Protein backbone atom coordinates (compact mmCIF):
# COMPACT_ATOMS: atom_id res chain seq x y z
CA MET A 1 114.04 51.01 227.74
CA ASN A 2 115.64 48.30 225.32
CA PRO A 3 119.43 48.88 225.42
CA LYS A 4 119.87 48.94 221.51
CA ILE A 5 117.54 51.63 221.65
CA GLU A 6 119.36 53.58 224.50
CA LYS A 7 122.66 52.83 222.91
CA LEU A 8 121.46 54.43 219.58
CA ILE A 9 119.91 57.42 221.53
CA LYS A 10 123.20 58.23 223.27
CA LEU A 11 125.40 58.00 219.99
CA PHE A 12 123.11 60.32 218.45
CA ALA A 13 122.90 62.45 221.56
CA LYS A 14 126.88 63.04 221.33
CA LEU A 15 126.60 64.64 217.75
CA PRO A 16 126.79 68.52 218.09
CA ARG A 17 123.91 70.55 218.53
CA VAL A 18 121.71 67.46 219.13
CA GLY A 19 121.44 66.43 222.69
CA ALA A 20 119.38 63.64 224.27
CA ARG A 21 115.93 64.73 223.25
CA GLY A 22 116.84 65.38 219.98
CA GLY A 23 119.00 62.12 219.91
CA GLN A 24 115.83 60.64 221.23
CA ARG A 25 113.81 62.22 218.48
CA ILE A 26 116.16 60.92 215.64
CA ALA A 27 116.39 57.44 216.95
CA LEU A 28 112.81 57.21 217.21
CA ALA A 29 112.02 58.59 213.46
CA LEU A 30 115.14 56.11 211.79
CA LEU A 31 113.29 53.11 214.06
CA GLN A 32 109.56 53.98 213.07
CA ASP A 33 109.97 55.04 209.20
CA LYS A 34 108.74 52.79 206.77
CA THR A 35 110.64 53.86 203.84
CA GLY A 36 114.04 51.99 204.47
CA ARG A 37 115.87 55.78 205.80
CA GLY A 38 117.36 53.94 208.61
CA THR A 39 119.19 51.64 206.77
CA ALA A 40 120.30 54.01 204.13
CA LEU A 41 121.55 56.34 207.03
CA ALA A 42 123.61 53.64 207.98
CA ASN A 43 124.49 52.83 204.80
CA ALA A 44 125.72 56.31 203.99
CA ILE A 45 127.75 56.65 207.20
CA VAL A 46 129.78 53.61 206.69
CA ASP A 47 130.93 54.36 203.08
CA ALA A 48 131.41 57.92 203.76
CA VAL A 49 133.86 57.12 206.98
CA GLU A 50 135.49 54.01 204.89
CA ASN A 51 135.96 56.07 201.72
CA ILE A 52 136.67 59.88 202.97
CA ALA A 53 139.89 61.21 204.59
CA PRO A 54 141.67 64.67 204.68
CA CYS A 55 143.08 66.07 201.51
CA PRO A 56 147.11 65.52 202.52
CA CYS A 57 147.65 68.95 201.15
CA CYS A 58 144.85 71.39 202.75
CA GLY A 59 142.83 68.69 204.85
CA VAL A 60 139.57 69.24 203.14
CA LEU A 61 137.69 65.85 203.19
CA THR A 62 137.88 64.24 200.16
CA ASP A 63 137.72 60.69 198.26
CA ARG A 64 140.23 58.35 199.55
CA GLY A 65 143.09 57.16 197.38
CA ILE A 66 142.50 60.35 194.86
CA GLY A 67 145.31 62.03 196.11
CA THR A 68 144.39 65.79 196.65
CA CYS A 69 140.88 67.18 196.79
CA GLU A 70 139.16 69.33 194.21
CA PHE A 71 140.62 72.99 195.33
CA CYS A 72 144.04 71.45 195.55
CA ARG A 73 143.02 70.11 191.54
CA ASP A 74 141.89 73.13 190.31
CA ALA A 75 144.53 75.03 188.65
CA SER A 76 142.24 78.05 188.08
CA ARG A 77 143.00 78.47 191.95
CA GLN A 78 146.41 78.72 192.12
CA ASN A 79 146.48 82.29 192.38
CA GLY A 80 149.00 83.08 195.01
CA GLN A 81 146.22 83.00 197.72
CA LEU A 82 145.25 80.67 200.49
CA CYS A 83 142.92 80.96 203.41
CA VAL A 84 143.77 79.57 206.38
CA VAL A 85 140.69 78.40 208.01
CA ARG A 86 139.52 76.43 211.49
CA ASP A 87 137.47 73.52 209.81
CA LEU A 88 135.51 72.35 206.79
CA SER A 89 132.23 74.28 207.54
CA ASP A 90 134.26 77.25 207.17
CA VAL A 91 135.18 76.51 203.71
CA TRP A 92 131.86 75.60 202.71
CA THR A 93 130.60 78.96 204.10
CA LEU A 94 133.27 80.65 202.15
CA GLU A 95 132.54 78.85 199.04
CA LYS A 96 128.64 79.40 199.21
CA SER A 97 129.33 82.93 199.13
CA SER A 98 131.51 82.99 196.33
CA VAL A 99 133.80 85.53 197.78
CA PHE A 100 137.35 83.23 197.46
CA HIS A 101 138.99 81.74 194.65
CA GLY A 102 142.32 80.55 195.93
CA ARG A 103 142.96 77.52 198.08
CA TYR A 104 142.01 76.48 201.38
CA HIS A 105 144.46 75.00 204.46
CA ILE A 106 142.43 73.46 206.85
CA ILE A 107 144.28 73.95 210.73
CA GLY A 108 141.32 71.60 212.26
CA GLY A 109 140.80 73.70 215.53
CA LEU A 110 142.06 76.62 217.60
CA LEU A 111 145.07 76.89 219.99
CA SER A 112 143.34 76.85 223.55
CA GLY A 113 145.06 76.32 227.05
CA ALA A 114 141.77 75.88 228.75
CA SER A 115 141.18 72.67 226.04
CA GLY A 116 144.62 71.22 225.72
CA VAL A 117 144.40 72.25 222.28
CA LEU A 118 148.27 72.33 221.74
CA PRO A 119 150.39 73.41 218.39
CA GLN A 120 151.16 70.13 217.44
CA ASP A 121 147.10 69.03 217.44
CA LEU A 122 146.84 71.41 214.47
CA ASN A 123 147.57 70.93 210.96
CA ILE A 124 150.46 74.10 211.34
CA SER A 125 153.75 72.59 210.46
CA THR A 126 153.26 72.08 206.75
CA LEU A 127 152.10 75.63 205.93
CA PRO A 128 156.09 76.85 205.30
CA SER A 129 157.05 74.42 202.71
CA ARG A 130 153.23 74.72 200.91
CA ILE A 131 153.60 78.72 200.74
CA ASN A 132 157.02 78.03 199.10
CA ASP A 133 155.81 74.69 196.50
CA GLU A 134 152.61 76.95 195.80
CA LYS A 135 154.05 80.25 195.22
CA ILE A 136 151.83 81.67 197.53
CA THR A 137 151.94 85.53 197.93
CA GLU A 138 149.15 85.87 199.98
CA VAL A 139 147.83 84.32 203.43
CA ILE A 140 144.28 85.42 204.51
CA PHE A 141 143.29 84.68 207.82
CA ALA A 142 139.58 83.43 208.39
CA LEU A 143 139.96 82.41 212.02
CA PRO A 144 136.96 83.50 214.58
CA ASN A 145 137.20 86.79 215.98
CA THR A 146 138.32 85.52 219.87
CA VAL A 147 140.70 85.12 221.78
CA GLU A 148 141.56 81.57 220.75
CA GLY A 149 141.44 82.34 217.15
CA LYS A 150 143.64 85.48 217.44
CA THR A 151 146.38 83.46 219.32
CA THR A 152 146.26 80.71 216.65
CA GLN A 153 146.38 83.44 213.84
CA HIS A 154 149.71 84.92 215.93
CA TYR A 155 151.48 81.30 216.24
CA VAL A 156 150.82 80.55 212.55
CA MET A 157 152.39 83.70 211.55
CA SER A 158 155.49 83.09 213.92
CA VAL A 159 156.03 79.29 211.83
CA ILE A 160 155.50 80.53 208.68
CA GLY A 161 158.13 83.22 209.96
CA ASP A 162 160.46 85.15 207.21
CA THR A 163 158.92 83.03 204.33
CA ALA A 164 159.71 85.38 201.44
CA ASN A 165 157.02 87.87 199.63
CA VAL A 166 153.94 86.51 201.74
CA ASN A 167 151.61 88.67 203.00
CA PHE A 168 149.43 88.62 205.88
CA THR A 169 145.84 89.66 205.88
CA GLU A 170 142.54 88.88 207.86
CA LEU A 171 139.19 89.40 207.71
CA ALA A 172 137.27 92.64 208.20
CA SER A 173 135.32 92.87 211.20
CA GLY A 174 132.59 95.33 212.34
CA VAL A 175 129.10 96.59 211.47
CA PRO A 176 127.50 93.61 209.29
CA LEU A 177 125.90 94.75 205.99
CA GLY A 178 122.35 96.03 206.66
CA GLY A 179 123.03 96.09 210.14
CA ASP A 180 121.42 98.76 212.45
CA LEU A 181 123.82 100.14 215.37
CA ASP A 182 121.03 99.64 218.05
CA TYR A 183 121.44 95.69 217.26
CA ILE A 184 125.17 95.84 217.47
CA ASP A 185 126.93 95.11 220.36
CA ASP A 186 129.65 97.06 222.11
CA GLY A 187 132.88 94.66 220.75
CA THR A 188 131.55 94.94 217.16
CA LEU A 189 131.07 98.29 217.45
CA SER A 190 134.71 99.30 218.97
CA LEU A 191 136.17 96.90 216.14
CA ALA A 192 134.33 98.97 213.50
CA PHE A 193 135.39 102.33 214.97
CA GLY A 194 138.75 101.06 215.28
CA GLY A 195 138.80 99.45 211.61
CA ARG A 196 137.39 102.54 209.95
CA LYS A 197 138.98 103.63 206.65
CA SER A 198 139.09 106.60 204.59
CA LEU A 199 136.05 107.28 201.93
């Protein structure tokens, strides 16, 4: 195989959820395309890598050099709510659902001894000052319902500590809307029963 094509396939294969076979398909599709999509993709990647950076306040990717992102600049989102999420894809999911209208804080991962992710690897240390500066009254945790997610949540709460007038909340867990009990796993069903509320 041509070494340039092989290199391209290997680079695509390293992308999340692509793999070797997917990398090969993408590389061949771009190399055999006659419409210029390969060049357009290459230019878009270079442009994004050179001109996109995390917001210095919340971590959402935004244009480099303009200061804070659209969420931090939006005065209507200054409602005292701050949603702590793992990564940008979580922000996109919440925005698509239109269930949250406050501000975000991306921590950039989850604490994990197995993976070697330590507190200093995450965007956590700026939270106390941000909460005070933005007069945050509620910190909402929208982290994965896993051991790593819960460990990270408890650590973040300990870092925020005794910040005055801040309530901690987390997303509810349980039976999804329209869910049939026959298809619910035991862990989800247990959480649903444990988190039941009065009607």
